[in-house]
C-alpha atoms as a PDB file:
ATOM      1  CA  MET A   1     163.383  20.365  32.163  1.00  0.00           C
ATOM      2  CA  LYS A   2     165.620  23.614  32.559  1.00  0.00           C
ATOM      3  CA  LYS A   3     166.928  25.010  29.137  1.00  0.00           C
ATOM      4  CA  PHE A   4     170.709  25.487  30.032  1.00  0.00           C
ATOM      5  CA  LYS A   5     172.663  28.505  28.235  1.00  0.00           C
ATOM      6  CA  TYR A   6     176.287  27.974  27.098  1.00  0.00           C
ATOM      7  CA  ALA A   7     179.144  30.030  25.839  1.00  0.00           C
ATOM      8  CA  LEU A   8     181.967  28.224  23.651  1.00  0.00           C
ATOM      9  CA  ILE A   9     185.755  28.982  23.623  1.00  0.00           C
ATOM     10  CA  GLY A  10     187.269  27.511  20.573  1.00  0.00           C
ATOM     11  CA  ALA A  11     184.613  27.377  18.114  1.00  0.00           C
ATOM     12  CA  ALA A  12     186.618  26.807  15.170  1.00  0.00           C
ATOM     13  CA  GLY A  13     188.347  23.506  16.523  1.00  0.00           C
ATOM     14  CA  TYR A  14     187.403  20.044  15.094  1.00  0.00           C
ATOM     15  CA  ILE A  15     185.901  19.134  18.276  1.00  0.00           C
ATOM     16  CA  ALA A  16     183.615  21.950  18.843  1.00  0.00           C
ATOM     17  CA  PRO A  17     181.020  20.669  16.658  1.00  0.00           C
ATOM     18  CA  ARG A  18     180.409  17.588  18.935  1.00  0.00           C
ATOM     19  CA  HIS A  19     179.594  20.164  21.791  1.00  0.00           C
ATOM     20  CA  MET A  20     177.466  21.998  19.490  1.00  0.00           C
ATOM     21  CA  LYS A  21     175.617  18.680  18.886  1.00  0.00           C
ATOM     22  CA  ALA A  22     175.442  17.760  22.311  1.00  0.00           C
ATOM     23  CA  ILE A  23     174.021  21.165  23.439  1.00  0.00           C
ATOM     24  CA  LYS A  24     171.383  20.703  20.810  1.00  0.00           C
ATOM     25  CA  ASP A  25     170.617  17.140  21.548  1.00  0.00           C
ATOM     26  CA  THR A  26     169.895  18.046  25.227  1.00  0.00           C
ATOM     27  CA  GLY A  27     167.703  20.915  24.627  1.00  0.00           C
ATOM     28  CA  GLY A  28     170.418  23.811  25.431  1.00  0.00           C
ATOM     29  CA  GLU A  29     171.315  26.952  23.681  1.00  0.00           C
ATOM     30  CA  LEU A  30     174.478  28.227  22.684  1.00  0.00           C
ATOM     31  CA  ILE A  31     174.273  32.181  23.435  1.00  0.00           C
ATOM     32  CA  ALA A  32     177.898  33.178  22.535  1.00  0.00           C
ATOM     33  CA  ALA A  33     180.861  31.679  21.221  1.00  0.00           C
ATOM     34  CA  MET A  34     184.690  32.848  20.544  1.00  0.00           C
ATOM     35  CA  ASP A  35     187.544  31.854  18.289  1.00  0.00           C
ATOM     36  CA  PRO A  36     190.485  33.981  16.749  1.00  0.00           C
ATOM     37  CA  SER A  37     189.557  32.238  13.238  1.00  0.00           C
ATOM     38  CA  ASP A  38     186.173  33.258  11.825  1.00  0.00           C
ATOM     39  CA  SER A  39     185.629  29.947  10.006  1.00  0.00           C
ATOM     40  CA  VAL A  40     182.583  28.832  11.999  1.00  0.00           C
ATOM     41  CA  GLY A  41     180.375  28.425   9.587  1.00  0.00           C
ATOM     42  CA  ILE A  42     179.157  25.029  11.119  1.00  0.00           C
ATOM     43  CA  ILE A  43     177.499  27.266  14.093  1.00  0.00           C
ATOM     44  CA  ASP A  44     174.688  27.928  11.555  1.00  0.00           C
ATOM     45  CA  SER A  45     173.932  23.987  11.607  1.00  0.00           C
ATOM     46  CA  TYR A  46     172.934  24.542  15.327  1.00  0.00           C
ATOM     47  CA  PHE A  47     172.855  27.775  16.845  1.00  0.00           C
ATOM     48  CA  PRO A  48     172.373  30.760  14.152  1.00  0.00           C
ATOM     49  CA  GLY A  49     171.377  33.135  16.279  1.00  0.00           C
ATOM     50  CA  SER A  50     174.530  32.680  18.696  1.00  0.00           C
ATOM     51  CA  ALA A  51     176.623  35.743  19.386  1.00  0.00           C
ATOM     52  CA  PHE A  52     180.045  35.484  17.943  1.00  0.00           C
ATOM     53  CA  PHE A  53     183.309  37.161  18.621  1.00  0.00           C
ATOM     54  CA  THR A  54     186.989  36.871  17.147  1.00  0.00           C
ATOM     55  CA  GLU A  55     188.559  38.977  20.098  1.00  0.00           C
ATOM     56  CA  PHE A  56     188.552  37.598  23.806  1.00  0.00           C
ATOM     57  CA  GLU A  57     187.976  41.072  25.239  1.00  0.00           C
ATOM     58  CA  ARG A  58     184.607  41.486  23.537  1.00  0.00           C
ATOM     59  CA  PHE A  59     183.508  38.249  24.152  1.00  0.00           C
ATOM     60  CA  ASP A  60     184.415  38.774  27.953  1.00  0.00           C
ATOM     61  CA  ARG A  61     182.716  42.038  27.890  1.00  0.00           C
ATOM     62  CA  HIS A  62     179.574  40.746  26.071  1.00  0.00           C
ATOM     63  CA  LEU A  63     179.425  37.735  28.538  1.00  0.00           C
ATOM     64  CA  GLU A  64     179.923  39.941  31.742  1.00  0.00           C
ATOM     65  CA  LYS A  65     176.787  42.344  30.613  1.00  0.00           C
ATOM     66  CA  LEU A  66     174.726  39.343  30.200  1.00  0.00           C
ATOM     67  CA  ARG A  67     175.794  38.176  33.795  1.00  0.00           C
ATOM     68  CA  ARG A  68     174.787  41.245  35.185  1.00  0.00           C
ATOM     69  CA  ARG A  69     171.537  41.099  33.640  1.00  0.00           C
ATOM     70  CA  GLY A  70     170.854  37.436  35.070  1.00  0.00           C
ATOM     71  CA  GLU A  71     171.239  36.335  31.588  1.00  0.00           C
ATOM     72  CA  GLY A  72     174.821  34.884  31.617  1.00  0.00           C
ATOM     73  CA  PRO A  73     175.658  31.191  30.565  1.00  0.00           C
ATOM     74  CA  ASP A  74     175.155  28.275  32.791  1.00  0.00           C
ATOM     75  CA  TYR A  75     178.439  26.602  31.388  1.00  0.00           C
ATOM     76  CA  VAL A  76     181.412  27.757  29.641  1.00  0.00           C
ATOM     77  CA  ILE A  77     182.729  25.339  27.135  1.00  0.00           C
ATOM     78  CA  VAL A  78     186.527  25.166  26.721  1.00  0.00           C
ATOM     79  CA  CYS A  79     187.699  23.583  23.514  1.00  0.00           C
ATOM     80  CA  SER A  80     190.654  25.871  22.836  1.00  0.00           C
ATOM     81  CA  PRO A  81     194.355  24.979  22.540  1.00  0.00           C
ATOM     82  CA  ASN A  82     195.467  22.684  25.260  1.00  0.00           C
ATOM     83  CA  TYR A  83     197.919  25.440  26.890  1.00  0.00           C
ATOM     84  CA  LEU A  84     194.970  28.000  27.450  1.00  0.00           C
ATOM     85  CA  HIS A  85     192.500  25.529  29.208  1.00  0.00           C
ATOM     86  CA  ASP A  86     193.811  26.581  32.633  1.00  0.00           C
ATOM     87  CA  ALA A  87     193.231  30.284  31.793  1.00  0.00           C
ATOM     88  CA  HIS A  88     189.810  29.710  30.004  1.00  0.00           C
ATOM     89  CA  ILE A  89     188.522  27.432  32.894  1.00  0.00           C
ATOM     90  CA  ARG A  90     189.471  30.329  35.455  1.00  0.00           C
ATOM     91  CA  PHE A  91     187.506  32.782  33.331  1.00  0.00           C
ATOM     92  CA  GLY A  92     184.416  30.677  33.118  1.00  0.00           C
ATOM     93  CA  LEU A  93     184.464  30.173  36.878  1.00  0.00           C
ATOM     94  CA  ARG A  94     185.059  33.546  37.684  1.00  0.00           C
ATOM     95  CA  LEU A  95     182.156  34.397  35.681  1.00  0.00           C
ATOM     96  CA  GLY A  96     179.927  32.272  37.843  1.00  0.00           C
ATOM     97  CA  ALA A  97     179.502  29.174  35.282  1.00  0.00           C
ATOM     98  CA  ASP A  98     180.379  25.780  35.621  1.00  0.00           C
ATOM     99  CA  VAL A  99     182.799  24.719  32.855  1.00  0.00           C
ATOM    100  CA  ILE A 100     183.124  21.899  30.489  1.00  0.00           C
ATOM    101  CA  CYS A 101     186.483  21.351  29.332  1.00  0.00           C
ATOM    102  CA  GLU A 102     188.063  19.179  26.708  1.00  0.00           C
ATOM    103  CA  LYS A 103     190.976  16.740  27.169  1.00  0.00           C
ATOM    104  CA  PRO A 104     193.534  17.237  28.364  1.00  0.00           C
ATOM    105  CA  ILE A 105     191.999  19.331  30.953  1.00  0.00           C
ATOM    106  CA  VAL A 106     195.326  21.011  31.996  1.00  0.00           C
ATOM    107  CA  LEU A 107     199.139  20.236  31.103  1.00  0.00           C
ATOM    108  CA  ASN A 108     200.177  20.052  34.400  1.00  0.00           C
ATOM    109  CA  PRO A 109     198.803  18.405  37.691  1.00  0.00           C
ATOM    110  CA  TRP A 110     199.689  21.492  39.810  1.00  0.00           C
ATOM    111  CA  ASN A 111     197.319  23.533  37.827  1.00  0.00           C
ATOM    112  CA  ILE A 112     194.341  21.325  38.879  1.00  0.00           C
ATOM    113  CA  ASP A 113     195.081  22.333  42.586  1.00  0.00           C
ATOM    114  CA  GLY A 114     194.953  25.935  41.672  1.00  0.00           C
ATOM    115  CA  LEU A 115     191.332  25.283  40.010  1.00  0.00           C
ATOM    116  CA  GLN A 116     190.240  23.285  42.572  1.00  0.00           C
ATOM    117  CA  GLU A 117     190.578  26.230  44.961  1.00  0.00           C
ATOM    118  CA  ILE A 118     188.730  28.545  42.365  1.00  0.00           C
ATOM    119  CA  GLU A 119     185.958  25.955  42.451  1.00  0.00           C
ATOM    120  CA  GLN A 120     185.446  26.066  46.264  1.00  0.00           C
ATOM    121  CA  GLU A 121     185.672  30.028  46.218  1.00  0.00           C
ATOM    122  CA  THR A 122     182.903  30.016  43.271  1.00  0.00           C
ATOM    123  CA  GLY A 123     180.813  27.184  44.212  1.00  0.00           C
ATOM    124  CA  LYS A 124     181.226  26.226  40.678  1.00  0.00           C
ATOM    125  CA  ARG A 125     182.243  22.825  38.955  1.00  0.00           C
ATOM    126  CA  VAL A 126     184.568  22.087  36.360  1.00  0.00           C
ATOM    127  CA  TYR A 127     183.854  18.832  34.273  1.00  0.00           C
ATOM    128  CA  ASN A 128     186.074  16.960  32.118  1.00  0.00           C
ATOM    129  CA  ILE A 129     185.039  15.055  28.737  1.00  0.00           C
ATOM    130  CA  LEU A 130     186.340  11.684  29.565  1.00  0.00           C
ATOM    131  CA  GLN A 131     184.012  10.034  26.906  1.00  0.00           C
ATOM    132  CA  LEU A 132     185.708   6.632  26.622  1.00  0.00           C
ATOM    133  CA  ARG A 133     184.582   5.852  30.279  1.00  0.00           C
ATOM    134  CA  LEU A 134     181.093   5.964  28.769  1.00  0.00           C
ATOM    135  CA  HIS A 135     181.626   4.040  25.900  1.00  0.00           C
ATOM    136  CA  PRO A 136     179.511   0.921  26.082  1.00  0.00           C
ATOM    137  CA  SER A 137     182.222  -1.411  25.161  1.00  0.00           C
ATOM    138  CA  VAL A 138     184.635   0.016  27.711  1.00  0.00           C
ATOM    139  CA  ILE A 139     182.100  -0.001  30.685  1.00  0.00           C
ATOM    140  CA  GLU A 140     181.682  -3.940  29.499  1.00  0.00           C
ATOM    141  CA  LEU A 141     185.509  -4.371  29.321  1.00  0.00           C
ATOM    142  CA  LYS A 142     185.883  -2.896  33.002  1.00  0.00           C
ATOM    143  CA  LYS A 143     183.129  -5.258  34.394  1.00  0.00           C
ATOM    144  CA  ARG A 144     184.874  -8.050  32.519  1.00  0.00           C
ATOM    145  CA  ILE A 145     188.347  -7.362  34.315  1.00  0.00           C
ATOM    146  CA  GLU A 146     186.612  -6.680  37.719  1.00  0.00           C
ATOM    147  CA  ALA A 147     185.376 -10.508  37.359  1.00  0.00           C
ATOM    148  CA  THR A 148     188.706 -11.724  36.945  1.00  0.00           C
ATOM    149  CA  ALA A 149     190.960 -12.813  39.627  1.00  0.00           C
ATOM    150  CA  ALA A 150     192.449  -9.990  41.549  1.00  0.00           C
ATOM    151  CA  ASP A 151     195.941 -11.138  41.190  1.00  0.00           C
ATOM    152  CA  GLU A 152     195.548 -11.666  37.313  1.00  0.00           C
ATOM    153  CA  ILE A 153     198.051  -9.503  35.315  1.00  0.00           C
ATOM    154  CA  HIS A 154     196.862  -8.679  31.805  1.00  0.00           C
ATOM    155  CA  ASP A 155     199.463  -7.988  28.898  1.00  0.00           C
ATOM    156  CA  ILE A 156     198.259  -5.380  26.664  1.00  0.00           C
ATOM    157  CA  ASP A 157     199.335  -3.761  23.391  1.00  0.00           C
ATOM    158  CA  LEU A 158     197.809  -0.307  22.835  1.00  0.00           C
ATOM    159  CA  THR A 159     198.208   0.962  19.216  1.00  0.00           C
ATOM    160  CA  TYR A 160     196.791   4.266  17.858  1.00  0.00           C
ATOM    161  CA  LEU A 161     197.841   5.662  14.671  1.00  0.00           C
ATOM    162  CA  THR A 162     196.009   8.738  13.448  1.00  0.00           C
ATOM    163  CA  SER A 163     197.400  10.113  10.367  1.00  0.00           C
ATOM    164  CA  ARG A 164     197.797  14.106  10.276  1.00  0.00           C
ATOM    165  CA  GLY A 165     198.977  16.273   7.473  1.00  0.00           C
ATOM    166  CA  LEU A 166     201.857  18.856   7.370  1.00  0.00           C
ATOM    167  CA  TRP A 167     199.310  21.297   8.764  1.00  0.00           C
ATOM    168  CA  TYR A 168     199.695  19.673  12.147  1.00  0.00           C
ATOM    169  CA  TYR A 169     203.412  20.711  12.627  1.00  0.00           C
ATOM    170  CA  ALA A 170     202.489  24.410  11.660  1.00  0.00           C
ATOM    171  CA  SER A 171     199.552  24.487  14.279  1.00  0.00           C
ATOM    172  CA  TRP A 172     199.753  24.867  17.979  1.00  0.00           C
ATOM    173  CA  LYS A 173     199.460  20.992  18.141  1.00  0.00           C
ATOM    174  CA  GLY A 174     202.889  20.478  16.821  1.00  0.00           C
ATOM    175  CA  GLU A 175     204.429  22.664  19.752  1.00  0.00           C
ATOM    176  CA  LEU A 176     205.349  20.793  22.864  1.00  0.00           C
ATOM    177  CA  LYS A 177     204.707  23.574  25.284  1.00  0.00           C
ATOM    178  CA  LYS A 178     201.229  24.396  23.699  1.00  0.00           C
ATOM    179  CA  SER A 179     199.879  20.887  23.197  1.00  0.00           C
ATOM    180  CA  GLY A 180     202.065  18.760  25.323  1.00  0.00           C
ATOM    181  CA  GLY A 181     203.384  16.705  22.645  1.00  0.00           C
ATOM    182  CA  ILE A 182     201.796  13.488  20.951  1.00  0.00           C
ATOM    183  CA  ALA A 183     201.355  11.215  24.317  1.00  0.00           C
ATOM    184  CA  THR A 184     199.469  14.479  25.904  1.00  0.00           C
ATOM    185  CA  ASN A 185     197.660  15.540  22.849  1.00  0.00           C
ATOM    186  CA  ILE A 186     196.226  12.145  21.518  1.00  0.00           C
ATOM    187  CA  GLY A 187     196.962   9.482  24.136  1.00  0.00           C
ATOM    188  CA  VAL A 188     195.328  11.086  27.341  1.00  0.00           C
ATOM    189  CA  HIS A 189     192.105   9.649  26.911  1.00  0.00           C
ATOM    190  CA  PHE A 190     193.601   6.373  26.451  1.00  0.00           C
ATOM    191  CA  TYR A 191     195.753   6.363  29.286  1.00  0.00           C
ATOM    192  CA  ASP A 192     192.619   7.485  31.661  1.00  0.00           C
ATOM    193  CA  MET A 193     190.725   4.471  30.113  1.00  0.00           C
ATOM    194  CA  LEU A 194     193.308   2.142  30.965  1.00  0.00           C
ATOM    195  CA  MET A 195     193.797   3.464  34.611  1.00  0.00           C
ATOM    196  CA  TRP A 196     190.163   3.515  35.069  1.00  0.00           C
ATOM    197  CA  ILE A 197     190.090  -0.137  34.108  1.00  0.00           C
ATOM    198  CA  PHE A 198     193.420  -1.690  35.372  1.00  0.00           C
ATOM    199  CA  GLY A 199     194.301   0.586  38.188  1.00  0.00           C
ATOM    200  CA  GLU A 200     197.434   3.220  39.230  1.00  0.00           C
ATOM    201  CA  VAL A 201     200.752   3.335  37.774  1.00  0.00           C
ATOM    202  CA  LYS A 202     203.230   1.388  39.414  1.00  0.00           C
ATOM    203  CA  ASP A 203     206.218   1.920  36.732  1.00  0.00           C
ATOM    204  CA  TYR A 204     206.812   3.219  33.525  1.00  0.00           C
ATOM    205  CA  GLU A 205     209.473   3.995  30.630  1.00  0.00           C
ATOM    206  CA  VAL A 206     209.530   6.224  27.716  1.00  0.00           C
ATOM    207  CA  HIS A 207     210.921   4.568  24.477  1.00  0.00           C
ATOM    208  CA  ILE A 208     210.136   7.137  21.883  1.00  0.00           C
ATOM    209  CA  HIS A 209     208.863  10.658  22.302  1.00  0.00           C
ATOM    210  CA  ALA A 210     209.206  12.590  18.814  1.00  0.00           C
ATOM    211  CA  HIS A 211     207.325  15.084  16.927  1.00  0.00           C
ATOM    212  CA  ASP A 212     205.133  12.357  15.188  1.00  0.00           C
ATOM    213  CA  ARG A 213     205.240   9.297  17.579  1.00  0.00           C
ATOM    214  CA  ALA A 214     205.416   8.338  21.132  1.00  0.00           C
ATOM    215  CA  ALA A 215     205.674   4.933  22.915  1.00  0.00           C
ATOM    216  CA  GLY A 216     206.566   3.324  26.052  1.00  0.00           C
ATOM    217  CA  TYR A 217     205.600   0.860  28.655  1.00  0.00           C
ATOM    218  CA  LEU A 218     203.190   1.187  31.828  1.00  0.00           C
ATOM    219  CA  GLN A 219     203.101  -1.285  34.602  1.00  0.00           C
ATOM    220  CA  LEU A 220     199.607  -0.796  36.164  1.00  0.00           C
ATOM    221  CA  ASP A 221     197.954  -2.501  39.148  1.00  0.00           C
ATOM    222  CA  ARG A 222     196.440  -5.018  36.647  1.00  0.00           C
ATOM    223  CA  ALA A 223     198.420  -4.724  33.819  1.00  0.00           C
ATOM    224  CA  ARG A 224     201.576  -4.505  31.567  1.00  0.00           C
ATOM    225  CA  VAL A 225     201.165  -1.951  28.853  1.00  0.00           C
ATOM    226  CA  ARG A 226     202.956  -1.569  25.659  1.00  0.00           C
ATOM    227  CA  TRP A 227     201.797   1.516  23.799  1.00  0.00           C
ATOM    228  CA  PHE A 228     202.414   3.075  20.669  1.00  0.00           C
ATOM    229  CA  LEU A 229     201.034   6.422  19.318  1.00  0.00           C
ATOM    230  CA  SER A 230     201.798   7.873  16.064  1.00  0.00           C
ATOM    231  CA  ILE A 231     200.407  10.547  13.627  1.00  0.00           C
ATOM    232  CA  ASN A 232     202.822   9.673  10.806  1.00  0.00           C
ATOM    233  CA  TYR A 233     200.876   7.843   7.843  1.00  0.00           C
ATOM    234  CA  GLU A 234     203.794   6.023   6.839  1.00  0.00           C
ATOM    235  CA  VAL A 235     203.445   3.837  10.148  1.00  0.00           C
ATOM    236  CA  LEU A 236     200.002   2.693   9.146  1.00  0.00           C
ATOM    237  CA  PRO A 237     199.964  -0.788   8.274  1.00  0.00           C
ATOM    238  CA  GLU A 238     199.714  -1.554   4.337  1.00  0.00           C
ATOM    239  CA  ALA A 239     196.291  -3.332   4.906  1.00  0.00           C
ATOM    240  CA  ILE A 240     194.558  -0.070   6.292  1.00  0.00           C
ATOM    241  CA  LYS A 241     196.423   2.037   3.691  1.00  0.00           C
ATOM    242  CA  GLU A 242     195.059  -0.168   0.815  1.00  0.00           C
ATOM    243  CA  LYS A 243     191.743   0.201   2.381  1.00  0.00           C
ATOM    244  CA  GLY A 244     192.030   4.404   1.752  1.00  0.00           C
ATOM    245  CA  LEU A 245     191.947   4.943   5.619  1.00  0.00           C
ATOM    246  CA  ARG A 246     194.012   7.077   7.995  1.00  0.00           C
ATOM    247  CA  THR A 247     193.744   5.920  11.339  1.00  0.00           C
ATOM    248  CA  TYR A 248     194.015   2.535  12.966  1.00  0.00           C
ATOM    249  CA  ARG A 249     193.191   1.646  16.325  1.00  0.00           C
ATOM    250  CA  SER A 250     194.134  -1.536  18.339  1.00  0.00           C
ATOM    251  CA  LEU A 251     194.061  -2.877  21.918  1.00  0.00           C
ATOM    252  CA  MET A 252     195.119  -6.373  22.172  1.00  0.00           C
ATOM    253  CA  ILE A 253     194.446  -8.191  25.698  1.00  0.00           C
ATOM    254  CA  GLY A 254     196.625 -10.936  25.873  1.00  0.00           C
ATOM    255  CA  ASP A 255     195.773 -12.655  22.305  1.00  0.00           C
ATOM    256  CA  ASP A 256     192.362 -11.014  22.117  1.00  0.00           C
ATOM    257  CA  GLU A 257     191.398  -7.960  20.295  1.00  0.00           C
ATOM    258  CA  PHE A 258     189.243  -5.167  22.335  1.00  0.00           C
ATOM    259  CA  GLU A 259     186.899  -3.788  19.673  1.00  0.00           C
ATOM    260  CA  PHE A 260     185.908  -0.123  20.440  1.00  0.00           C
ATOM    261  CA  SER A 261     186.451   1.553  17.249  1.00  0.00           C
ATOM    262  CA  GLY A 262     182.783   2.274  16.847  1.00  0.00           C
ATOM    263  CA  GLY A 263     180.268   4.263  19.032  1.00  0.00           C
ATOM    264  CA  PHE A 264     181.708   7.084  19.299  1.00  0.00           C
ATOM    265  CA  THR A 265     179.399   9.482  17.560  1.00  0.00           C
ATOM    266  CA  GLU A 266     176.841  10.017  20.639  1.00  0.00           C
ATOM    267  CA  LEU A 267     179.603  10.159  23.502  1.00  0.00           C
ATOM    268  CA  HIS A 268     179.676  13.773  23.974  1.00  0.00           C
ATOM    269  CA  THR A 269     175.822  14.097  24.179  1.00  0.00           C
ATOM    270  CA  ARG A 270     175.962  11.392  26.728  1.00  0.00           C
ATOM    271  CA  SER A 271     178.662  13.093  28.535  1.00  0.00           C
ATOM    272  CA  TYR A 272     176.429  16.343  28.458  1.00  0.00           C
ATOM    273  CA  GLU A 273     173.296  14.020  30.054  1.00  0.00           C
ATOM    274  CA  GLU A 274     175.733  12.704  32.677  1.00  0.00           C
ATOM    275  CA  ILE A 275     176.913  16.224  33.646  1.00  0.00           C
ATOM    276  CA  HIS A 276     173.244  17.548  33.904  1.00  0.00           C
ATOM    277  CA  ALA A 277     172.408  14.639  36.035  1.00  0.00           C
ATOM    278  CA  GLY A 278     175.174  15.402  38.396  1.00  0.00           C
ATOM    279  CA  ASN A 279     177.260  12.539  37.343  1.00  0.00           C
ATOM    280  CA  GLY A 280     180.193  14.257  35.172  1.00  0.00           C
ATOM    281  CA  PHE A 281     183.681  13.729  35.478  1.00  0.00           C
ATOM    282  CA  GLY A 282     185.410  16.533  37.787  1.00  0.00           C
ATOM    283  CA  MET A 283     189.137  17.337  38.102  1.00  0.00           C
ATOM    284  CA  SER A 284     189.830  14.709  40.627  1.00  0.00           C
ATOM    285  CA  ASP A 285     188.740  11.970  37.999  1.00  0.00           C
ATOM    286  CA  SER A 286     191.528  13.659  35.644  1.00  0.00           C
ATOM    287  CA  LEU A 287     194.572  13.921  37.852  1.00  0.00           C
ATOM    288  CA  ALA A 288     195.873  10.657  37.406  1.00  0.00           C
ATOM    289  CA  ALA A 289     195.996  10.734  33.545  1.00  0.00           C
ATOM    290  CA  ILE A 290     197.453  14.568  33.682  1.00  0.00           C
ATOM    291  CA  GLN A 291     200.048  13.281  36.258  1.00  0.00           C
ATOM    292  CA  LEU A 292     200.982  10.434  33.956  1.00  0.00           C
ATOM    293  CA  VAL A 293     201.280  12.772  30.613  1.00  0.00           C
ATOM    294  CA  HIS A 294     203.209  15.169  32.540  1.00  0.00           C
ATOM    295  CA  ASP A 295     205.603  12.560  33.638  1.00  0.00           C
ATOM    296  CA  ILE A 296     205.922  11.089  29.840  1.00  0.00           C
ATOM    297  CA  ARG A 297     206.677  14.296  28.589  1.00  0.00           C
ATOM    298  CA  ASN A 298     209.448  14.906  31.240  1.00  0.00           C
ATOM    299  CA  ALA A 299     211.128  11.350  31.525  1.00  0.00           C
ATOM    300  CA  PRO A 300     214.098  10.323  30.013  1.00  0.00           C
ATOM    301  CA  VAL A 301     213.725   8.493  26.348  1.00  0.00           C
ATOM    302  CA  VAL A 302     215.475   4.876  27.045  1.00  0.00           C
ATOM    303  CA  GLY A 303     215.243   3.769  23.523  1.00  0.00           C
ATOM    304  CA  LYS A 304     214.056   0.496  22.577  1.00  0.00           C
ATOM    305  CA  ASN A 305     214.074  -2.668  24.706  1.00  0.00           C
ATOM    306  CA  ASP A 306     212.295  -5.858  25.550  1.00  0.00           C
ATOM    307  CA  ARG A 307     209.373  -3.999  26.943  1.00  0.00           C
ATOM    308  CA  SER A 308     209.107  -1.934  23.675  1.00  0.00           C
ATOM    309  CA  HIS A 309     205.765  -2.208  21.547  1.00  0.00           C
ATOM    310  CA  GLY A 310     206.342  -4.189  18.460  1.00  0.00           C
ATOM    311  CA  LEU A 311     206.439  -0.667  16.099  1.00  0.00           C
ATOM    312  CA  VAL A 312     209.384   0.727  18.134  1.00  0.00           C
ATOM    313  CA  THR A 313     212.483   0.964  16.078  1.00  0.00           C
ATOM    314  CA  ASP A 314     215.875   2.479  16.835  1.00  0.00           C
ATOM    315  CA  LYS A 315     215.254   5.163  13.902  1.00  0.00           C
ATOM    316  CA  VAL A 316     212.563   8.091  13.963  1.00  0.00           C
ATOM    317  CA  ALA A 317     211.937   9.957  10.879  1.00  0.00           C
ATOM    318  CA  GLY A 318     213.165  13.813  10.763  1.00  0.00           C
ATOM    319  CA  HIS A 319     210.755  16.493  11.295  1.00  0.00           C
ATOM    320  CA  PRO A 320     209.033  17.412   7.878  1.00  0.00           C
ATOM    321  CA  PHE A 321     210.013  21.086   8.317  1.00  0.00           C
ATOM    322  CA  ASP A 322     213.731  20.365   8.594  1.00  0.00           C
ATOM    323  CA  ARG A 323     213.788  18.873   5.051  1.00  0.00           C
END
């Protein structure tokens, strides 16, 4: 089995260790990493011999030297802030490497058109991490839905509450133009999962789109979805707070709760295995979700109505930095 070589952009981010583990688990080697922050000691747990750079220009020059010697990376991994994904994917393709990019692959659907042109020019591929499609419970749910009557429309409530501290608002994640906002930054995987199982978007509404929460309604081919996302701890159910937890995930399909809270630890490794086997998810697989989050981001906010999720209220808390 070939030992693949990797270069990583965004080594200090919270998701980077999952990629380092996936590289290690699949027998690969991290040869270079880059991040403006030097808080990357986690690399020592996986690849202490990896080169590291805090300046992109030096990282670029190092990889170009390796490429000329025929020692460049097989893959460039993009874990940088969302608004930089497009540029960093282009960099990887033009370096002559395939690219593995975290979600969302880009912020705007037209960026995918440009990247597909570069794929054709270079003969290289861009893969997106869509790990929920590899979750055993999600795969089983898809099979179950496909076995029901084709004209059956399912009623779904999606709730994802993942608390974040004040640091979030001061980071790039708190800036709409850089992260795409709550629906893009933490919702894109769930939208992709729902469309993968229940079909294309026929209609949508946005009921809230604020700094700390977003909510709305989706009409899919085979589902009516009321969704609510939040990073505000105060929104958590009291029972969850009493357990000392800061995250709550729920997917109700009719009166049944779909459980998929566990089984996430190995999904990046599974993603890498699928990519190496030629079965990775490409940009065309990501397009529908990217189009949807773009539409949600730019849609008028209509407020609470009879299609709203139960957690939607008429009042949203003020931004913490405005206090």
